[in-house]
Structure formats: structure tokens, C-alpha cells
């Protein structure tokens, strides 16, 4: 429905959306910087937020190119 009405080339609310297609707001850039810091220091962190604030795409972007044995773990259970 959205795709044809707005002339999108792909589904706008797909979980597998390419991270390069996301709007790079200041807060989104801040999250990416913090995730890069955690990756470089091999630290751990907690990401929380309302639905639709790009938690999953941020993690997907950060984990690109990381060996599987070093991937951060995330739990997408909304009851936690």
C-alpha cells in the first residue's frame, strides 16, 4: 500500500531495510558512535527505546564486517 502510493522502490517498514537508506539524524549518529566505541573496546552495553527508533538497524549496521564469534548479543524480547 505505502510502496505504490508514495512511489517507494522497496517496503518502507521492512526489518531488513538497508542501513544506508536510514535518515542519519544526530541521535542516530550518536548511537552508532557509541556502538563503535563498544566494539573497539570489546565492552558491553544496553540499548533501549520505543518501537521504531532504529535499535535493530543500528545494531545491524554496527555488526557488518564483524566475525561471527565476536558478534554482540542482543535479545529482542519485549518482555525483558
Protein backbone atom coordinates (compact mmCIF):
# COMPACT_ATOMS: atom_id res chain seq x y z
CA UNK A 1 0.00 0.00 0.00
CA UNK A 2 2.70 2.54 1.01
CA UNK A 3 5.03 1.39 -1.74
CA UNK A 4 2.66 2.15 -4.61
CA UNK A 5 1.06 5.25 -3.04
CA UNK A 6 4.34 7.04 -2.25
CA UNK A 7 6.34 5.56 -5.15
CA UNK A 8 8.85 3.76 -2.92
CA UNK A 9 11.19 1.25 -4.51
CA UNK A 10 11.10 -1.10 -1.51
CA UNK A 11 8.89 -1.73 1.50
CA UNK A 12 9.34 1.18 3.95
CA UNK A 13 8.82 -0.77 7.20
CA UNK A 14 10.77 -3.92 6.39
CA UNK A 15 13.06 -5.22 9.16
CA UNK A 16 15.75 -5.97 6.57
CA UNK A 17 15.99 -2.40 5.28
CA UNK A 18 19.44 -1.35 4.11
CA UNK A 19 21.02 0.86 6.78
CA UNK A 20 22.27 3.26 4.10
CA UNK A 21 18.62 4.16 3.44
CA UNK A 22 18.01 5.38 7.01
CA UNK A 23 17.85 9.06 7.93
CA UNK A 24 21.12 9.93 9.68
CA UNK A 25 19.82 12.14 12.50
CA UNK A 26 22.17 13.44 15.20
CA UNK A 27 20.81 10.94 17.72
CA UNK A 28 21.24 8.06 15.25
CA UNK A 29 24.86 9.11 14.65
CA UNK A 30 25.39 9.25 18.42
CA UNK A 31 24.12 5.68 18.82
CA UNK A 32 26.42 4.47 16.03
CA UNK A 33 29.40 6.23 17.65
CA UNK A 34 28.65 4.61 21.00
CA UNK A 35 28.25 1.18 19.40
CA UNK A 36 31.54 1.64 17.53
CA UNK A 37 33.19 2.52 20.84
CA UNK A 38 31.78 -0.62 22.47
CA UNK A 39 33.00 -2.68 19.53
CA UNK A 40 36.50 -1.22 19.66
CA UNK A 41 36.84 -1.67 23.43
CA UNK A 42 35.11 -5.05 23.41
CA UNK A 43 32.75 -3.66 26.03
CA UNK A 44 29.09 -4.30 26.61
CA UNK A 45 26.05 -2.09 26.69
CA UNK A 46 22.29 -1.95 26.77
CA UNK A 47 20.14 -0.37 24.09
CA UNK A 48 16.59 0.58 24.99
CA UNK A 49 14.00 2.67 23.24
CA UNK A 50 10.46 2.92 21.99
CA UNK A 51 9.36 0.84 19.00
CA UNK A 52 10.51 2.28 15.70
CA UNK A 53 13.55 4.26 16.89
CA UNK A 54 16.03 2.17 14.83
CA UNK A 55 17.51 -0.06 17.51
CA UNK A 56 17.71 -3.10 15.21
CA UNK A 57 19.09 -1.24 12.16
CA UNK A 58 21.74 0.39 14.37
CA UNK A 59 22.90 -3.00 15.60
CA UNK A 60 22.81 -4.42 12.09
CA UNK A 61 24.92 -1.54 10.79
CA UNK A 62 27.44 -1.95 13.61
CA UNK A 63 27.80 -5.70 13.22
CA UNK A 64 28.55 -5.59 9.47
CA UNK A 65 32.04 -6.99 8.91
CA UNK A 66 32.40 -8.39 12.42
CA UNK A 67 33.41 -12.04 12.68
CA UNK A 68 30.57 -14.23 13.93
CA UNK A 69 32.49 -15.29 17.02
CA UNK A 70 32.69 -11.63 18.09
CA UNK A 71 29.14 -10.54 17.34
CA UNK A 72 27.40 -8.67 20.11
CA UNK A 73 24.41 -10.47 21.55
CA UNK A 74 21.06 -8.82 21.67
CA UNK A 75 17.76 -10.05 22.97
CA UNK A 76 14.73 -8.69 21.18
CA UNK A 77 12.29 -9.94 23.81
CA UNK A 78 9.90 -7.05 24.55
CA UNK A 79 9.04 -8.55 27.96
CA UNK A 80 12.58 -8.02 29.29
